Amino acid sequence: MAKKAKFSKEQYLKWYESMYLMRKFEEKLSQLYIQRVFGGCLQLYIGQEAVVAGAVSATREDDNMITAYRCHAHPIGRGTEIKYLMAELYGKTTGLSKGKGGSMHMFDVSKKVFGGHGIVGGQIPLGAGLAFADKYKGNDRITMCSMGDGAIRQGALHEAFNMAMTWKLPVIFIIENNKYAMGTSVERTSNVTELYKIGASYEMPGEAVDGMDVEAVHFAIEKAAKHCRDGNGPYLLEMETYRYKGHSMSDPRKYRTKEEEEQYMSNDPIEKVLQTIKKNKFATDKQIEAIHDKVKQEINDAIKYAEESPLPEPED
């Protein structure tokens, strides 16, 4: 059910185009991967797009972002041209990591996106470190450090949380709780299932957020960002979300039911934004179709760019 608009027409249209691009880009990646156009691992963000879209709209362009290996949407949300992501997946020198990182290591320092990290939980202390650097320099930037619900079982999280609170670092820790880590439910791995509560032992404020609702994400990030910029230290947000696809392309998803998947898909974050646009007459059907055509063309151009880009030289 579409809600009454809480933001401007421009914001809803920007959210829709950005999230739609994330979705269609990754759907195309899935096809290309099955066709063996490129190899390596491929973890898709499909279903979780509202988390990045809301985080980007609620923060500044000079704020840092760092995440795990489900990392295509983060640079897209920040405005990185998808041809550079596609080239990276193809292993080409024009890719974001010069063809050496692949799907799991998308960096765009020009957009303040610092990865893309393949080691589970490895980005958590790095996120605290980025925030430490900004505090040391005396600016008012914040860092958004994202992680999955599986990564929070790493000891590095507790070390980073302790130091972040002790030093009052300007970092928003974002748990993207898509329920199953690699394939084991939160309920089977922890007595604490409301994951934002794990910050309580460090007296770190936190809350749960509907990660399938871009408006809710925006408001939560906006609140947390103010908390950080005001010098109050870190904030923990648990984004309750869902990945429609498997952990990776090799995951048959036998650990969850089709009924559960359909239930979450009926609450699609992109569809909710589209319904708000239509209900408030922010765009005609023709204008919406123009967005779809633009995204399709961007993806086709990105594939052409990747195909025509050079491979790294052996000595590289």
Protein backbone atom coordinates (compact mmCIF):
# COMPACT_ATOMS: atom_id res chain seq x y z
CA MET A 1 0.00 0.00 0.00
CA ALA A 2 1.56 3.31 -1.06
CA LYS A 3 1.90 5.88 1.69
CA LYS A 4 1.48 9.61 1.49
CA ALA A 5 4.63 11.25 0.18
CA LYS A 6 7.04 12.42 2.89
CA PHE A 7 9.70 13.68 0.48
CA SER A 8 9.88 15.71 -2.71
CA LYS A 9 8.95 14.47 -6.16
CA GLU A 10 12.62 14.78 -7.14
CA GLN A 11 13.72 12.57 -4.25
CA TYR A 12 11.29 9.76 -5.07
CA LEU A 13 12.28 9.82 -8.73
CA LYS A 14 15.97 9.78 -7.80
CA TRP A 15 15.42 6.87 -5.43
CA TYR A 16 13.46 4.96 -8.04
CA GLU A 17 16.02 5.37 -10.81
CA SER A 18 18.93 4.52 -8.51
CA MET A 19 17.29 1.42 -7.03
CA TYR A 20 15.96 0.28 -10.40
CA LEU A 21 19.48 0.57 -11.84
CA MET A 22 20.90 -1.49 -8.96
CA ARG A 23 18.26 -4.18 -9.52
CA LYS A 24 18.50 -4.40 -13.31
CA PHE A 25 22.31 -4.25 -13.28
CA GLU A 26 22.46 -7.23 -10.96
CA GLU A 27 19.79 -9.16 -12.85
CA LYS A 28 21.96 -8.76 -15.94
CA LEU A 29 25.03 -9.89 -13.96
CA SER A 30 23.16 -13.04 -13.00
CA GLN A 31 22.49 -13.80 -16.68
CA LEU A 32 26.08 -13.10 -17.70
CA TYR A 33 27.43 -15.26 -14.88
CA ILE A 34 25.25 -18.22 -15.87
CA GLN A 35 26.51 -17.76 -19.45
CA ARG A 36 30.09 -17.86 -18.01
CA VAL A 37 30.96 -14.50 -19.46
CA PHE A 38 32.96 -13.89 -16.27
CA GLY A 39 33.89 -16.03 -13.29
CA GLY A 40 34.74 -15.74 -9.63
CA CYS A 41 32.12 -15.28 -6.91
CA LEU A 42 28.95 -13.27 -7.43
CA GLN A 43 26.88 -12.14 -4.46
CA LEU A 44 23.77 -10.19 -5.37
CA TYR A 45 22.09 -7.39 -3.40
CA ILE A 46 18.66 -7.85 -5.00
CA GLY A 47 15.96 -7.02 -2.43
CA GLN A 48 18.19 -4.87 -0.24
CA GLU A 49 18.43 -1.77 -2.46
CA ALA A 50 16.54 0.54 -0.08
CA VAL A 51 19.36 0.30 2.49
CA VAL A 52 21.91 1.94 0.18
CA ALA A 53 19.45 4.36 -1.44
CA GLY A 54 18.21 5.70 1.91
CA ALA A 55 21.72 5.90 3.34
CA VAL A 56 22.97 7.91 0.36
CA SER A 57 20.06 10.39 0.40
CA ALA A 58 20.47 11.02 4.15
CA THR A 59 24.21 11.74 4.09
CA ARG A 60 26.74 13.90 2.28
CA GLU A 61 28.84 13.03 -0.74
CA ASP A 62 32.02 13.39 1.31
CA ASP A 63 30.92 10.88 3.95
CA ASN A 64 32.65 7.51 3.79
CA MET A 65 31.06 4.18 2.90
CA ILE A 66 32.62 0.78 3.49
CA THR A 67 30.99 -2.62 3.20
CA ALA A 68 31.48 -6.35 2.73
CA TYR A 69 31.56 -8.30 -0.52
CA ARG A 70 27.91 -7.75 -1.51
CA CYS A 71 29.11 -4.43 -2.83
CA HIS A 72 27.71 -3.53 -6.26
CA ALA A 73 24.89 -1.30 -5.01
CA HIS A 74 27.03 0.96 -2.82
CA PRO A 75 29.04 2.64 -5.61
CA ILE A 76 25.94 2.70 -7.85
CA GLY A 77 24.04 4.53 -5.09
CA ARG A 78 26.86 7.05 -4.88
CA GLY A 79 26.77 7.66 -8.63
CA THR A 80 29.65 5.56 -9.95
CA GLU A 81 29.16 4.82 -13.63
CA ILE A 82 28.23 1.15 -13.98
CA LYS A 83 30.61 0.64 -16.90
CA TYR A 84 33.48 0.66 -14.40
CA LEU A 85 31.76 -1.98 -12.27
CA MET A 86 31.07 -4.10 -15.32
CA ALA A 87 34.67 -3.82 -16.49
CA GLU A 88 35.82 -4.97 -13.05
CA LEU A 89 33.59 -8.04 -13.27
CA TYR A 90 35.05 -8.78 -16.71
CA GLY A 91 38.55 -8.55 -15.21
CA LYS A 92 39.52 -5.56 -17.36
CA THR A 93 42.04 -2.81 -16.57
CA THR A 94 39.33 -0.13 -16.76
CA GLY A 95 37.50 -1.72 -13.82
CA LEU A 96 37.23 -0.08 -10.41
CA SER A 97 40.06 -2.25 -9.06
CA LYS A 98 41.88 -2.53 -12.42
CA GLY A 99 40.37 -5.96 -13.02
CA LYS A 100 42.12 -7.51 -10.02
CA GLY A 101 39.27 -7.54 -7.50
CA GLY A 102 36.17 -8.76 -9.27
CA SER A 103 32.69 -8.77 -7.79
CA MET A 104 33.80 -8.72 -4.15
CA HIS A 105 36.12 -5.71 -4.24
CA MET A 106 34.41 -2.64 -5.65
CA PHE A 107 36.25 0.55 -4.64
CA ASP A 108 35.62 4.10 -5.79
CA VAL A 109 37.62 6.45 -3.60
CA SER A 110 36.46 9.42 -5.72
CA LYS A 111 32.95 8.67 -4.41
CA LYS A 112 34.21 7.87 -0.89
CA VAL A 113 33.38 4.18 -1.34
CA PHE A 114 36.16 2.18 0.32
CA GLY A 115 35.18 -1.37 -0.65
CA GLY A 116 34.13 -4.20 -1.05
CA HIS A 117 35.98 -6.56 1.40
CA GLY A 118 36.15 -10.32 0.99
CA ILE A 119 37.19 -11.22 4.54
CA VAL A 120 34.04 -11.66 6.63
CA GLY A 121 33.88 -8.78 9.11
CA GLY A 122 37.23 -7.41 7.93
CA GLN A 123 35.66 -4.06 7.02
CA ILE A 124 34.37 -3.40 10.56
CA PRO A 125 37.67 -2.25 12.14
CA LEU A 126 38.54 -0.52 8.85
CA GLY A 127 35.30 1.47 9.12
CA ALA A 128 36.26 2.51 12.64
CA GLY A 129 39.68 3.48 11.26
CA LEU A 130 38.18 5.71 8.58
CA ALA A 131 36.13 7.43 11.27
CA PHE A 132 39.22 7.79 13.47
CA ALA A 133 41.05 9.52 10.61
CA ASP A 134 38.26 12.08 10.20
CA LYS A 135 38.09 12.74 13.93
CA TYR A 136 41.87 13.16 14.01
CA LYS A 137 41.69 15.66 11.13
CA GLY A 138 38.96 17.59 12.92
CA ASN A 139 36.39 17.55 10.12
CA ASP A 140 32.73 16.62 10.51
CA ARG A 141 32.57 13.68 8.11
CA ILE A 142 30.99 10.42 9.16
CA THR A 143 31.59 6.83 8.07
CA MET A 144 28.88 4.30 7.26
CA CYS A 145 30.25 0.83 7.93
CA SER A 146 27.97 -1.93 6.64
CA MET A 147 28.07 -5.62 7.51
CA GLY A 148 25.88 -8.70 7.23
CA ASP A 149 24.21 -10.54 10.09
CA GLY A 150 26.82 -13.31 9.73
CA ALA A 151 29.77 -10.94 10.10
CA ILE A 152 28.71 -9.76 13.53
CA ARG A 153 29.89 -13.11 14.95
CA GLN A 154 33.47 -12.01 14.34
CA GLY A 155 35.55 -10.94 17.32
CA ALA A 156 36.83 -7.93 15.38
CA LEU A 157 33.37 -6.38 15.73
CA HIS A 158 33.67 -6.27 19.53
CA GLU A 159 37.17 -4.81 19.40
CA ALA A 160 36.03 -2.15 16.93
CA PHE A 161 32.86 -1.35 18.94
CA ASN A 162 34.87 -0.96 22.14
CA MET A 163 37.40 1.42 20.59
CA ALA A 164 34.76 3.35 18.65
CA MET A 165 32.83 4.05 21.83
CA THR A 166 35.95 4.79 23.90
CA TRP A 167 37.18 7.31 21.33
CA LYS A 168 33.68 8.54 20.36
CA LEU A 169 34.30 7.91 16.67
CA PRO A 170 31.83 9.30 14.07
CA VAL A 171 30.78 5.96 12.60
CA ILE A 172 27.37 4.47 11.87
CA PHE A 173 27.61 0.70 12.08
CA ILE A 174 24.93 -0.77 9.78
CA ILE A 175 23.93 -4.41 10.17
CA GLU A 176 22.21 -5.47 6.95
CA ASN A 177 20.23 -8.28 8.54
CA ASN A 178 19.03 -10.38 5.62
CA LYS A 179 18.30 -13.24 8.06
CA TYR A 180 20.55 -16.09 6.92
CA ALA A 181 24.25 -15.13 6.76
CA MET A 182 25.57 -17.70 4.25
CA GLY A 183 22.74 -20.12 4.92
CA THR A 184 22.16 -20.38 8.67
CA SER A 185 19.39 -18.36 10.29
CA VAL A 186 20.05 -15.75 12.97
CA GLU A 187 17.93 -17.80 15.39
CA ARG A 188 20.29 -20.78 15.06
CA THR A 189 23.46 -18.77 15.67
CA SER A 190 22.56 -16.41 18.50
CA ASN A 191 20.45 -16.05 21.61
CA VAL A 192 20.17 -12.36 20.72
CA THR A 193 18.02 -12.05 17.61
CA GLU A 194 17.39 -8.29 17.84
CA LEU A 195 20.85 -7.54 16.57
CA TYR A 196 20.96 -3.81 17.36
CA LYS A 197 21.08 -4.83 21.05
CA ILE A 198 24.63 -6.14 20.74
CA GLY A 199 25.86 -2.55 21.03
CA ALA A 200 24.29 -2.23 24.49
CA SER A 201 27.25 -3.72 26.35
CA TYR A 202 29.34 -0.81 25.02
CA GLU A 203 26.50 1.65 25.73
CA MET A 204 26.28 2.24 22.00
CA PRO A 205 22.84 3.57 21.03
CA GLY A 206 21.03 1.64 18.35
CA GLU A 207 17.71 0.67 16.86
CA ALA A 208 16.04 -1.62 14.35
CA VAL A 209 14.88 -0.18 11.03
CA ASP A 210 12.62 -1.45 8.26
CA GLY A 211 15.29 -1.96 5.63
CA MET A 212 12.65 -2.67 2.99
CA ASP A 213 11.41 0.94 3.22
CA VAL A 214 13.69 3.63 1.80
CA GLU A 215 11.91 6.37 3.77
CA ALA A 216 12.50 4.56 7.07
CA VAL A 217 16.16 4.01 6.16
CA HIS A 218 16.62 7.70 5.29
CA PHE A 219 15.12 8.91 8.58
CA ALA A 220 17.19 6.45 10.65
CA ILE A 221 20.47 7.30 8.91
CA GLU A 222 19.71 11.03 9.16
CA LYS A 223 19.21 10.69 12.93
CA ALA A 224 22.34 8.58 13.37
CA ALA A 225 24.44 10.93 11.23
CA LYS A 226 23.45 13.92 13.38
CA HIS A 227 24.36 11.93 16.50
CA CYS A 228 27.82 11.25 15.03
CA ARG A 229 28.43 14.78 13.73
CA ASP A 230 27.49 16.23 17.10
CA GLY A 231 30.45 14.40 18.65
CA ASN A 232 28.45 11.74 20.48
CA GLY A 233 30.28 8.77 19.03
CA PRO A 234 28.99 5.79 17.05
CA TYR A 235 25.45 4.61 16.37
CA LEU A 236 24.25 1.09 15.52
CA LEU A 237 21.44 0.46 13.06
CA GLU A 238 19.98 -2.95 12.29
CA MET A 239 18.43 -2.84 8.82
CA GLU A 240 15.85 -5.61 8.67
CA THR A 241 16.02 -6.63 5.04
CA TYR A 242 16.02 -9.69 2.77
CA ARG A 243 18.07 -10.91 -0.15
CA TYR A 244 15.82 -12.40 -2.80
CA LYS A 245 18.64 -14.51 -4.24
CA GLY A 246 21.04 -16.93 -2.60
CA HIS A 247 24.16 -16.04 -0.66
CA SER A 248 26.01 -16.47 -3.94
CA MET A 249 25.15 -17.87 -7.36
CA SER A 250 25.94 -21.41 -6.14
CA ASP A 251 23.40 -21.25 -3.29
CA PRO A 252 20.16 -23.24 -3.92
CA ARG A 253 18.46 -21.59 -0.87
CA LYS A 254 17.16 -24.87 0.57
CA TYR A 255 17.28 -23.42 4.09
CA ARG A 256 14.19 -21.23 3.54
CA THR A 257 10.74 -21.73 2.10
CA LYS A 258 9.27 -20.42 -1.14
CA GLU A 259 6.39 -19.01 0.91
CA GLU A 260 8.80 -16.91 2.96
CA GLU A 261 10.53 -15.62 -0.17
CA GLU A 262 7.20 -14.68 -1.74
CA GLN A 263 6.14 -12.88 1.44
CA TYR A 264 9.22 -10.65 1.37
CA MET A 265 9.02 -10.11 -2.38
CA SER A 266 5.47 -8.82 -1.96
CA ASN A 267 7.02 -6.06 0.19
CA ASP A 268 9.47 -5.01 -2.52
CA PRO A 269 11.23 -1.71 -1.72
CA ILE A 270 11.39 -0.55 -5.35
CA GLU A 271 7.74 -1.30 -5.99
CA LYS A 272 6.78 0.73 -2.89
CA VAL A 273 8.60 3.79 -4.23
CA LEU A 274 6.96 3.31 -7.64
CA GLN A 275 3.51 3.15 -6.06
CA THR A 276 4.18 6.38 -4.16
CA ILE A 277 5.25 8.04 -7.42
CA LYS A 278 2.10 6.87 -9.19
CA LYS A 279 -0.25 7.70 -6.33
CA ASN A 280 1.06 11.25 -6.09
CA LYS A 281 1.30 11.65 -9.88
CA PHE A 282 5.01 12.47 -9.68
CA ALA A 283 5.55 10.86 -13.11
CA THR A 284 3.46 9.60 -15.99
CA ASP A 285 3.68 6.05 -17.28
CA LYS A 286 5.64 7.41 -20.22
CA GLN A 287 8.16 9.10 -17.93
CA ILE A 288 8.58 5.92 -15.89
CA GLU A 289 9.12 3.96 -19.09
CA ALA A 290 11.78 6.51 -20.08
CA ILE A 291 13.64 5.72 -16.84
CA HIS A 292 13.48 2.01 -17.68
CA ASP A 293 14.79 2.65 -21.20
CA LYS A 294 17.62 4.82 -19.86
CA VAL A 295 18.69 2.09 -17.41
CA LYS A 296 18.54 -0.59 -20.12
CA GLN A 297 20.75 1.54 -22.37
CA GLU A 298 23.24 2.19 -19.54
CA ILE A 299 23.56 -1.56 -18.96
CA ASN A 300 24.04 -2.30 -22.68
CA ASP A 301 26.67 0.46 -22.90
CA ALA A 302 28.43 -0.94 -19.81
CA ILE A 303 28.66 -4.40 -21.37
CA LYS A 304 30.07 -2.94 -24.60
CA TYR A 305 32.61 -0.91 -22.59
CA ALA A 306 33.68 -3.98 -20.62
CA GLU A 307 33.97 -6.16 -23.72
CA GLU A 308 36.11 -3.58 -25.51
CA SER A 309 38.38 -2.77 -22.55
CA PRO A 310 41.85 -4.37 -22.36
CA LEU A 311 42.85 -7.24 -20.09
CA PRO A 312 45.71 -6.65 -17.65
CA GLU A 313 49.20 -7.39 -18.97
CA PRO A 314 50.79 -10.57 -17.56
CA GLU A 315 53.47 -8.56 -15.70
CA ASP A 316 50.69 -6.67 -13.85
